Amino acid sequence: LKEVEYMRQDASVECGTDEHKPITNLAIVFIVFWPIGSLVLYTLLLAACYKPLKKKTRTALTRATRFLHREYVLTYYWWEALE
């Protein structure tokens, strides 16, 4: 008897088949790029907020990204991107 495995999320897809390979490749891409992409996004958002934060002016962007920098003093506002 041959043991057959199926995906948990879609039981119609048999693991190791041609139908399963693109799904696996997509999962690998997201696993690799999610940590890098979020770091780049946070860094770009915080860089865009630097001048308004330094001038202590509120903009739509500084309000929207407040969760990234509100716990830090201005000198260390970028720390969330590294954390």
Protein backbone atom coordinates (compact mmCIF):
# COMPACT_ATOMS: atom_id res chain seq x y z
CA LEU A 1 0.00 0.00 0.00
CA LYS A 2 1.21 3.44 -0.92
CA GLU A 3 0.76 6.14 1.69
CA VAL A 4 -0.75 9.32 0.24
CA GLU A 5 -0.64 12.70 1.95
CA TYR A 6 -2.94 15.65 1.29
CA MET A 7 -2.76 19.32 2.20
CA ARG A 8 -4.57 20.26 5.40
CA GLN A 9 -6.03 23.46 3.93
CA ASP A 10 -7.22 21.84 0.70
CA ALA A 11 -7.72 18.10 0.90
CA SER A 12 -8.11 17.89 -2.87
CA VAL A 13 -4.39 18.64 -3.37
CA GLU A 14 -2.08 15.68 -2.98
CA CYS A 15 1.36 16.51 -1.56
CA GLY A 16 4.31 16.04 -3.91
CA THR A 17 2.30 16.37 -7.11
CA ASP A 18 2.61 18.97 -9.86
CA GLU A 19 -0.42 20.76 -8.41
CA HIS A 20 1.30 20.98 -5.00
CA LYS A 21 4.66 22.39 -6.18
CA PRO A 22 3.48 25.97 -6.99
CA ILE A 23 1.74 26.17 -3.63
CA THR A 24 4.93 25.08 -1.88
CA ASN A 25 7.02 27.59 -3.86
CA LEU A 26 4.63 30.42 -2.97
CA ALA A 27 4.79 29.46 0.70
CA ILE A 28 8.61 29.53 0.60
CA VAL A 29 8.58 32.98 -1.01
CA PHE A 30 6.31 34.35 1.73
CA ILE A 31 8.35 32.70 4.50
CA VAL A 32 11.55 34.29 3.15
CA PHE A 33 10.23 37.72 2.18
CA TRP A 34 7.75 38.45 4.99
CA PRO A 35 10.44 39.26 7.63
CA ILE A 36 12.51 41.26 5.13
CA GLY A 37 9.49 43.03 3.65
CA SER A 38 8.10 44.10 7.01
CA LEU A 39 11.50 45.46 8.05
CA VAL A 40 11.79 47.46 4.82
CA LEU A 41 8.21 48.74 5.12
CA TYR A 42 8.66 49.84 8.76
CA THR A 43 11.97 51.50 7.92
CA LEU A 44 10.51 53.40 4.97
CA LEU A 45 7.50 54.52 7.00
CA LEU A 46 9.64 55.70 9.88
CA ALA A 47 12.05 57.49 7.56
CA ALA A 48 9.11 59.35 6.05
CA CYS A 49 7.99 60.36 9.55
CA TYR A 50 11.35 61.70 10.70
CA LYS A 51 10.95 65.38 9.78
CA PRO A 52 7.41 65.78 11.14
CA LEU A 53 8.42 63.99 14.34
CA LYS A 54 11.47 66.20 14.74
CA LYS A 55 9.34 69.34 14.19
CA LYS A 56 6.68 67.88 16.53
CA THR A 57 3.97 68.37 13.93
CA ARG A 58 1.24 65.81 13.47
CA THR A 59 0.52 64.59 9.99
CA ALA A 60 -1.77 61.85 8.76
CA LEU A 61 1.27 59.60 8.36
CA THR A 62 2.66 60.22 11.86
CA ARG A 63 -0.77 59.54 13.34
CA ALA A 64 -1.21 56.37 11.29
CA THR A 65 2.23 55.04 12.22
CA ARG A 66 2.10 56.09 15.84
CA PHE A 67 2.09 52.45 16.94
CA LEU A 68 5.65 52.22 15.57
CA HIS A 69 7.18 55.20 17.39
CA ARG A 70 5.02 56.33 20.32
CA GLU A 71 6.96 54.36 22.94
CA TYR A 72 10.32 55.83 21.96
CA VAL A 73 11.97 59.19 22.43
CA LEU A 74 12.75 60.98 19.17
CA THR A 75 16.38 59.90 19.17
CA TYR A 76 15.31 56.23 19.06
CA TYR A 77 12.08 56.47 17.04
CA TRP A 78 13.47 54.02 14.45
CA TRP A 79 14.02 51.25 17.01
CA GLU A 80 10.75 49.46 16.19
CA ALA A 81 12.06 48.66 12.72
CA LEU A 82 15.06 46.88 14.23
CA GLU A 83 13.20 45.15 17.01
